[in-house]
Amino acid sequence: MNEQFEAVLTGSDGPIDGIVTELTTGSGLAYKFQSIDESLELTIIRNEEGNWERVSGTEPYFSGWVDELTEQIQNNKTAL
């Protein structure tokens, strides 16, 4: 089973609670954030330069969410 953990992203109307799922793709490791209320979905993957980028998700989209999600992924990996 893929690893999962709770995460919170900053929305325009307040915090957005969700679950992050680690995914294995043909391009490598990806992470999918799905909000508890299913209003937001965001999937990120590392690009060729090693930077995290959004590959799919709902609109509207805040570019800062990639950084927020990446930070929480790193914090979760450190906690394990």
PDB file of N, CA and C in Angstrom:
ATOM      1  N   MET A   1       0.839  -1.183   0.000  1.00  0.00           N
ATOM      2  CA  MET A   1       0.000   0.000   0.000  1.00  0.00           C
ATOM      3  C   MET A   1       0.880   1.241   0.000  1.00  0.00           C
ATOM      4  N   ASN A   2       0.421   2.267  -0.669  1.00  0.00           N
ATOM      5  CA  ASN A   2       1.167   3.517  -0.729  1.00  0.00           C
ATOM      6  C   ASN A   2       1.065   4.258   0.599  1.00  0.00           C
ATOM      7  N   GLU A   3       2.152   4.918   0.966  1.00  0.00           N
ATOM      8  CA  GLU A   3       2.195   5.685   2.202  1.00  0.00           C
ATOM      9  C   GLU A   3       1.219   6.855   2.124  1.00  0.00           C
ATOM     10  N   GLN A   4       0.548   7.147   3.245  1.00  0.00           N
ATOM     11  CA  GLN A   4      -0.367   8.280   3.340  1.00  0.00           C
ATOM     12  C   GLN A   4      -0.101   9.023   4.635  1.00  0.00           C
ATOM     13  N   PHE A   5      -0.375  10.346   4.607  1.00  0.00           N
ATOM     14  CA  PHE A   5      -0.306  11.145   5.816  1.00  0.00           C
ATOM     15  C   PHE A   5      -1.204  12.361   5.671  1.00  0.00           C
ATOM     16  N   GLU A   6      -1.568  12.959   6.795  1.00  0.00           N
ATOM     17  CA  GLU A   6      -2.419  14.145   6.798  1.00  0.00           C
ATOM     18  C   GLU A   6      -1.588  15.376   6.482  1.00  0.00           C
ATOM     19  N   ALA A   7      -2.205  16.339   5.780  1.00  0.00           N
ATOM     20  CA  ALA A   7      -1.530  17.585   5.439  1.00  0.00           C
ATOM     21  C   ALA A   7      -2.567  18.700   5.399  1.00  0.00           C
ATOM     22  N   VAL A   8      -2.074  19.940   5.456  1.00  0.00           N
ATOM     23  CA  VAL A   8      -2.935  21.112   5.398  1.00  0.00           C
ATOM     24  C   VAL A   8      -2.313  22.111   4.438  1.00  0.00           C
ATOM     25  N   LEU A   9      -3.104  22.578   3.473  1.00  0.00           N
ATOM     26  CA  LEU A   9      -2.668  23.636   2.567  1.00  0.00           C
ATOM     27  C   LEU A   9      -3.424  24.909   2.901  1.00  0.00           C
ATOM     28  N   THR A  10      -2.847  26.059   2.572  1.00  0.00           N
ATOM     29  CA  THR A  10      -3.445  27.348   2.857  1.00  0.00           C
ATOM     30  C   THR A  10      -4.340  27.769   1.701  1.00  0.00           C
ATOM     31  N   GLY A  11      -5.641  27.842   1.967  1.00  0.00           N
ATOM     32  CA  GLY A  11      -6.595  28.272   0.952  1.00  0.00           C
ATOM     33  C   GLY A  11      -6.949  29.733   1.128  1.00  0.00           C
ATOM     34  N   SER A  12      -7.678  30.284   0.180  1.00  0.00           N
ATOM     35  CA  SER A  12      -8.063  31.691   0.249  1.00  0.00           C
ATOM     36  C   SER A  12      -9.040  31.955   1.387  1.00  0.00           C
ATOM     37  N   ASP A  13      -9.815  30.940   1.785  1.00  0.00           N
ATOM     38  CA  ASP A  13     -10.793  31.093   2.864  1.00  0.00           C
ATOM     39  C   ASP A  13     -10.368  30.415   4.157  1.00  0.00           C
ATOM     40  N   GLY A  14      -9.128  29.921   4.213  1.00  0.00           N
ATOM     41  CA  GLY A  14      -8.644  29.252   5.409  1.00  0.00           C
ATOM     42  C   GLY A  14      -7.936  27.963   5.070  1.00  0.00           C
ATOM     43  N   PRO A  15      -7.562  27.198   6.099  1.00  0.00           N
ATOM     44  CA  PRO A  15      -6.820  25.958   5.881  1.00  0.00           C
ATOM     45  C   PRO A  15      -7.660  24.904   5.165  1.00  0.00           C
ATOM     46  N   ILE A  16      -6.972  24.096   4.350  1.00  0.00           N
ATOM     47  CA  ILE A  16      -7.615  22.997   3.623  1.00  0.00           C
ATOM     48  C   ILE A  16      -6.977  21.697   4.104  1.00  0.00           C
ATOM     49  N   ASP A  17      -7.741  20.914   4.849  1.00  0.00           N
ATOM     50  CA  ASP A  17      -7.268  19.641   5.386  1.00  0.00           C
ATOM     51  C   ASP A  17      -7.374  18.559   4.324  1.00  0.00           C
ATOM     52  N   GLY A  18      -6.367  17.688   4.300  1.00  0.00           N
ATOM     53  CA  GLY A  18      -6.409  16.610   3.326  1.00  0.00           C
ATOM     54  C   GLY A  18      -5.459  15.477   3.652  1.00  0.00           C
ATOM     55  N   ILE A  19      -5.412  14.543   2.725  1.00  0.00           N
ATOM     56  CA  ILE A  19      -4.559  13.362   2.829  1.00  0.00           C
ATOM     57  C   ILE A  19      -3.608  13.360   1.641  1.00  0.00           C
ATOM     58  N   VAL A  20      -2.331  13.110   1.914  1.00  0.00           N
ATOM     59  CA  VAL A  20      -1.329  12.989   0.861  1.00  0.00           C
ATOM     60  C   VAL A  20      -1.017  11.511   0.677  1.00  0.00           C
ATOM     61  N   THR A  21      -1.035  11.076  -0.576  1.00  0.00           N
ATOM     62  CA  THR A  21      -0.727   9.694  -0.914  1.00  0.00           C
ATOM     63  C   THR A  21       0.506   9.668  -1.803  1.00  0.00           C
ATOM     64  N   GLU A  22       1.456   8.831  -1.444  1.00  0.00           N
ATOM     65  CA  GLU A  22       2.662   8.633  -2.257  1.00  0.00           C
ATOM     66  C   GLU A  22       2.312   7.694  -3.405  1.00  0.00           C
ATOM     67  N   LEU A  23       2.667   8.083  -4.623  1.00  0.00           N
ATOM     68  CA  LEU A  23       2.366   7.294  -5.815  1.00  0.00           C
ATOM     69  C   LEU A  23       3.651   6.950  -6.546  1.00  0.00           C
ATOM     70  N   THR A  24       3.683   5.789  -7.160  1.00  0.00           N
ATOM     71  CA  THR A  24       4.793   5.418  -8.021  1.00  0.00           C
ATOM     72  C   THR A  24       4.290   5.481  -9.452  1.00  0.00           C
ATOM     73  N   THR A  25       4.983   6.279 -10.288  1.00  0.00           N
ATOM     74  CA  THR A  25       4.588   6.438 -11.682  1.00  0.00           C
ATOM     75  C   THR A  25       5.740   5.994 -12.575  1.00  0.00           C
ATOM     76  N   GLY A  26       5.492   5.951 -13.860  1.00  0.00           N
ATOM     77  CA  GLY A  26       6.549   5.625 -14.810  1.00  0.00           C
ATOM     78  C   GLY A  26       7.649   6.658 -14.814  1.00  0.00           C
ATOM     79  N   SER A  27       7.319   7.885 -14.366  1.00  0.00           N
ATOM     80  CA  SER A  27       8.294   8.975 -14.320  1.00  0.00           C
ATOM     81  C   SER A  27       8.975   9.102 -12.963  1.00  0.00           C
ATOM     82  N   GLY A  28       8.597   8.270 -12.009  1.00  0.00           N
ATOM     83  CA  GLY A  28       9.195   8.339 -10.684  1.00  0.00           C
ATOM     84  C   GLY A  28       8.152   8.477  -9.604  1.00  0.00           C
ATOM     85  N   LEU A  29       8.564   9.050  -8.497  1.00  0.00           N
ATOM     86  CA  LEU A  29       7.712   9.210  -7.333  1.00  0.00           C
ATOM     87  C   LEU A  29       6.868  10.468  -7.466  1.00  0.00           C
ATOM     88  N   ALA A  30       5.579  10.366  -7.147  1.00  0.00           N
ATOM     89  CA  ALA A  30       4.666  11.504  -7.173  1.00  0.00           C
ATOM     90  C   ALA A  30       3.883  11.506  -5.868  1.00  0.00           C
ATOM     91  N   TYR A  31       3.287  12.644  -5.558  1.00  0.00           N
ATOM     92  CA  TYR A  31       2.452  12.776  -4.371  1.00  0.00           C
ATOM     93  C   TYR A  31       1.147  13.437  -4.767  1.00  0.00           C
ATOM     94  N   LYS A  32       0.048  12.890  -4.236  1.00  0.00           N
ATOM     95  CA  LYS A  32      -1.278  13.424  -4.522  1.00  0.00           C
ATOM     96  C   LYS A  32      -1.917  13.899  -3.229  1.00  0.00           C
ATOM     97  N   PHE A  33      -2.312  15.178  -3.194  1.00  0.00           N
ATOM     98  CA  PHE A  33      -3.059  15.748  -2.073  1.00  0.00           C
ATOM     99  C   PHE A  33      -4.525  15.734  -2.456  1.00  0.00           C
ATOM    100  N   GLN A  34      -5.372  15.168  -1.597  1.00  0.00           N
ATOM    101  CA  GLN A  34      -6.821  15.169  -1.795  1.00  0.00           C
ATOM    102  C   GLN A  34      -7.445  15.745  -0.542  1.00  0.00           C
ATOM    103  N   SER A  35      -8.170  16.864  -0.690  1.00  0.00           N
ATOM    104  CA  SER A  35      -8.791  17.476   0.481  1.00  0.00           C
ATOM    105  C   SER A  35      -9.897  16.572   1.021  1.00  0.00           C
ATOM    106  N   ILE A  36     -10.137  16.692   2.315  1.00  0.00           N
ATOM    107  CA  ILE A  36     -11.148  15.880   2.989  1.00  0.00           C
ATOM    108  C   ILE A  36     -12.519  16.105   2.356  1.00  0.00           C
ATOM    109  N   ASP A  37     -12.824  17.369   2.014  1.00  0.00           N
ATOM    110  CA  ASP A  37     -14.126  17.679   1.417  1.00  0.00           C
ATOM    111  C   ASP A  37     -14.154  17.480  -0.097  1.00  0.00           C
ATOM    112  N   GLU A  38     -13.060  16.966  -0.667  1.00  0.00           N
ATOM    113  CA  GLU A  38     -12.919  16.664  -2.089  1.00  0.00           C
ATOM    114  C   GLU A  38     -13.018  17.890  -3.001  1.00  0.00           C
ATOM    115  N   SER A  39     -12.788  19.084  -2.444  1.00  0.00           N
ATOM    116  CA  SER A  39     -12.835  20.305  -3.251  1.00  0.00           C
ATOM    117  C   SER A  39     -11.498  20.608  -3.919  1.00  0.00           C
ATOM    118  N   LEU A  40     -10.427  19.977  -3.438  1.00  0.00           N
ATOM    119  CA  LEU A  40      -9.093  20.257  -3.965  1.00  0.00           C
ATOM    120  C   LEU A  40      -8.316  18.966  -4.160  1.00  0.00           C
ATOM    121  N   GLU A  41      -7.677  18.877  -5.318  1.00  0.00           N
ATOM    122  CA  GLU A  41      -6.764  17.778  -5.615  1.00  0.00           C
ATOM    123  C   GLU A  41      -5.527  18.381  -6.264  1.00  0.00           C
ATOM    124  N   LEU A  42      -4.368  17.895  -5.856  1.00  0.00           N
ATOM    125  CA  LEU A  42      -3.101  18.399  -6.380  1.00  0.00           C
ATOM    126  C   LEU A  42      -2.108  17.243  -6.442  1.00  0.00           C
ATOM    127  N   THR A  43      -1.537  17.015  -7.611  1.00  0.00           N
ATOM    128  CA  THR A  43      -0.526  15.974  -7.783  1.00  0.00           C
ATOM    129  C   THR A  43       0.768  16.634  -8.237  1.00  0.00           C
ATOM    130  N   ILE A  44       1.870  16.298  -7.546  1.00  0.00           N
ATOM    131  CA  ILE A  44       3.178  16.866  -7.881  1.00  0.00           C
ATOM    132  C   ILE A  44       4.173  15.744  -8.157  1.00  0.00           C
ATOM    133  N   ILE A  45       5.174  16.067  -8.973  1.00  0.00           N
ATOM    134  CA  ILE A  45       6.237  15.130  -9.320  1.00  0.00           C
ATOM    135  C   ILE A  45       7.506  15.938  -9.565  1.00  0.00           C
ATOM    136  N   ARG A  46       8.657  15.307  -9.403  1.00  0.00           N
ATOM    137  CA  ARG A  46       9.929  15.987  -9.696  1.00  0.00           C
ATOM    138  C   ARG A  46      10.139  16.048 -11.205  1.00  0.00           C
ATOM    139  N   ASN A  47      10.593  17.216 -11.685  1.00  0.00           N
ATOM    140  CA  ASN A  47      10.915  17.353 -13.106  1.00  0.00           C
ATOM    141  C   ASN A  47      12.360  16.927 -13.360  1.00  0.00           C
ATOM    142  N   GLU A  48      12.818  17.096 -14.593  1.00  0.00           N
ATOM    143  CA  GLU A  48      14.165  16.665 -14.969  1.00  0.00           C
ATOM    144  C   GLU A  48      15.259  17.379 -14.179  1.00  0.00           C
ATOM    145  N   GLU A  49      14.971  18.602 -13.722  1.00  0.00           N
ATOM    146  CA  GLU A  49      15.953  19.363 -12.941  1.00  0.00           C
ATOM    147  C   GLU A  49      15.902  19.025 -11.454  1.00  0.00           C
ATOM    148  N   GLY A  50      14.978  18.154 -11.060  1.00  0.00           N
ATOM    149  CA  GLY A  50      14.868  17.764  -9.657  1.00  0.00           C
ATOM    150  C   GLY A  50      13.956  18.647  -8.837  1.00  0.00           C
ATOM    151  N   ASN A  51      13.253  19.574  -9.492  1.00  0.00           N
ATOM    152  CA  ASN A  51      12.320  20.461  -8.797  1.00  0.00           C
ATOM    153  C   ASN A  51      10.906  19.878  -8.846  1.00  0.00           C
ATOM    154  N   TRP A  52      10.151  20.115  -7.783  1.00  0.00           N
ATOM    155  CA  TRP A  52       8.777  19.634  -7.733  1.00  0.00           C
ATOM    156  C   TRP A  52       7.893  20.547  -8.568  1.00  0.00           C
ATOM    157  N   GLU A  53       6.977  19.931  -9.335  1.00  0.00           N
ATOM    158  CA  GLU A  53       6.041  20.719 -10.127  1.00  0.00           C
ATOM    159  C   GLU A  53       4.681  20.031 -10.147  1.00  0.00           C
ATOM    160  N   ARG A  54       3.661  20.836 -10.350  1.00  0.00           N
ATOM    161  CA  ARG A  54       2.289  20.336 -10.430  1.00  0.00           C
ATOM    162  C   ARG A  54       2.087  19.649 -11.774  1.00  0.00           C
ATOM    163  N   VAL A  55       1.515  18.444 -11.753  1.00  0.00           N
ATOM    164  CA  VAL A  55       1.222  17.736 -12.997  1.00  0.00           C
ATOM    165  C   VAL A  55      -0.277  17.587 -13.236  1.00  0.00           C
ATOM    166  N   SER A  56      -1.072  17.721 -12.184  1.00  0.00           N
ATOM    167  CA  SER A  56      -2.523  17.694 -12.343  1.00  0.00           C
ATOM    168  C   SER A  56      -3.167  18.242 -11.083  1.00  0.00           C
ATOM    169  N   GLY A  57      -4.449  18.534 -11.200  1.00  0.00           N
ATOM    170  CA  GLY A  57      -5.183  19.027 -10.052  1.00  0.00           C
ATOM    171  C   GLY A  57      -6.355  19.889 -10.446  1.00  0.00           C
ATOM    172  N   THR A  58      -7.075  20.339  -9.434  1.00  0.00           N
ATOM    173  CA  THR A  58      -8.254  21.157  -9.645  1.00  0.00           C
ATOM    174  C   THR A  58      -7.862  22.610  -9.862  1.00  0.00           C
ATOM    175  N   GLU A  59      -8.772  23.361 -10.396  1.00  0.00           N
ATOM    176  CA  GLU A  59      -8.633  24.804 -10.573  1.00  0.00           C
ATOM    177  C   GLU A  59      -9.671  25.474  -9.701  1.00  0.00           C
ATOM    178  N   PRO A  60      -9.457  26.669  -9.185  1.00  0.00           N
ATOM    179  CA  PRO A  60      -8.218  27.443  -9.307  1.00  0.00           C
ATOM    180  C   PRO A  60      -7.096  26.806  -8.507  1.00  0.00           C
ATOM    181  N   TYR A  61      -5.908  27.277  -8.803  1.00  0.00           N
ATOM    182  CA  TYR A  61      -4.699  26.683  -8.257  1.00  0.00           C
ATOM    183  C   TYR A  61      -3.776  27.787  -7.762  1.00  0.00           C
ATOM    184  N   PHE A  62      -3.268  27.651  -6.531  1.00  0.00           N
ATOM    185  CA  PHE A  62      -2.276  28.586  -5.983  1.00  0.00           C
ATOM    186  C   PHE A  62      -0.888  27.982  -6.168  1.00  0.00           C
ATOM    187  N   SER A  63       0.004  28.710  -6.810  1.00  0.00           N
ATOM    188  CA  SER A  63       1.344  28.188  -7.088  1.00  0.00           C
ATOM    189  C   SER A  63       2.106  27.861  -5.803  1.00  0.00           C
ATOM    190  N   GLY A  64       1.818  28.535  -4.718  1.00  0.00           N
ATOM    191  CA  GLY A  64       2.484  28.284  -3.443  1.00  0.00           C
ATOM    192  C   GLY A  64       2.167  26.930  -2.849  1.00  0.00           C
ATOM    193  N   TRP A  65       1.123  26.284  -3.341  1.00  0.00           N
ATOM    194  CA  TRP A  65       0.757  24.974  -2.801  1.00  0.00           C
ATOM    195  C   TRP A  65       1.828  23.927  -3.049  1.00  0.00           C
ATOM    196  N   VAL A  66       2.535  24.018  -4.160  1.00  0.00           N
ATOM    197  CA  VAL A  66       3.597  23.051  -4.444  1.00  0.00           C
ATOM    198  C   VAL A  66       4.669  23.136  -3.356  1.00  0.00           C
ATOM    199  N   ASP A  67       5.077  24.361  -3.004  1.00  0.00           N
ATOM    200  CA  ASP A  67       6.079  24.545  -1.953  1.00  0.00           C
ATOM    201  C   ASP A  67       5.562  24.069  -0.597  1.00  0.00           C
ATOM    202  N   GLU A  68       4.309  24.406  -0.285  1.00  0.00           N
ATOM    203  CA  GLU A  68       3.723  23.972   0.986  1.00  0.00           C
ATOM    204  C   GLU A  68       3.680  22.454   1.076  1.00  0.00           C
ATOM    205  N   LEU A  69       3.237  21.828   0.005  1.00  0.00           N
ATOM    206  CA  LEU A  69       3.124  20.370  -0.006  1.00  0.00           C
ATOM    207  C   LEU A  69       4.500  19.719   0.079  1.00  0.00           C
ATOM    208  N   THR A  70       5.451  20.243  -0.666  1.00  0.00           N
ATOM    209  CA  THR A  70       6.818  19.702  -0.641  1.00  0.00           C
ATOM    210  C   THR A  70       7.406  19.778   0.771  1.00  0.00           C
ATOM    211  N   GLU A  71       7.204  20.891   1.440  1.00  0.00           N
ATOM    212  CA  GLU A  71       7.714  21.051   2.811  1.00  0.00           C
ATOM    213  C   GLU A  71       7.089  20.017   3.742  1.00  0.00           C
ATOM    214  N   GLN A  72       5.792  19.788   3.612  1.00  0.00           N
ATOM    215  CA  GLN A  72       5.125  18.822   4.480  1.00  0.00           C
ATOM    216  C   GLN A  72       5.565  17.387   4.161  1.00  0.00           C
ATOM    217  N   ILE A  73       5.830  17.110   2.895  1.00  0.00           N
ATOM    218  CA  ILE A  73       6.348  15.786   2.515  1.00  0.00           C
ATOM    219  C   ILE A  73       7.707  15.565   3.172  1.00  0.00           C
ATOM    220  N   GLN A  74       8.584  16.570   3.082  1.00  0.00           N
ATOM    221  CA  GLN A  74       9.918  16.449   3.684  1.00  0.00           C
ATOM    222  C   GLN A  74       9.821  16.293   5.193  1.00  0.00           C
ATOM    223  N   ASN A  75       8.936  17.056   5.835  1.00  0.00           N
ATOM    224  CA  ASN A  75       8.761  16.937   7.282  1.00  0.00           C
ATOM    225  C   ASN A  75       8.235  15.570   7.675  1.00  0.00           C
ATOM    226  N   ASN A  76       7.332  15.023   6.874  1.00  0.00           N
ATOM    227  CA  ASN A  76       6.796  13.690   7.152  1.00  0.00           C
ATOM    228  C   ASN A  76       7.881  12.624   7.003  1.00  0.00           C
ATOM    229  N   LYS A  77       8.713  12.746   5.964  1.00  0.00           N
ATOM    230  CA  LYS A  77       9.798  11.775   5.756  1.00  0.00           C
ATOM    231  C   LYS A  77      10.793  11.828   6.908  1.00  0.00           C
ATOM    232  N   THR A  78      11.070  13.022   7.421  1.00  0.00           N
ATOM    233  CA  THR A  78      11.994  13.194   8.535  1.00  0.00           C
ATOM    234  C   THR A  78      11.436  12.576   9.809  1.00  0.00           C
ATOM    235  N   ALA A  79      10.120  12.681   9.988  1.00  0.00           N
ATOM    236  CA  ALA A  79       9.478  12.159  11.196  1.00  0.00           C
ATOM    237  C   ALA A  79       9.455  10.636  11.239  1.00  0.00           C
ATOM    238  N   LEU A  80       9.547  10.001  10.079  1.00  0.00           N
ATOM    239  CA  LEU A  80       9.486   8.524  10.039  1.00  0.00           C
ATOM    240  C   LEU A  80      10.710   7.904  10.552  1.00  0.00           C
TER     241      LEU A  80
END
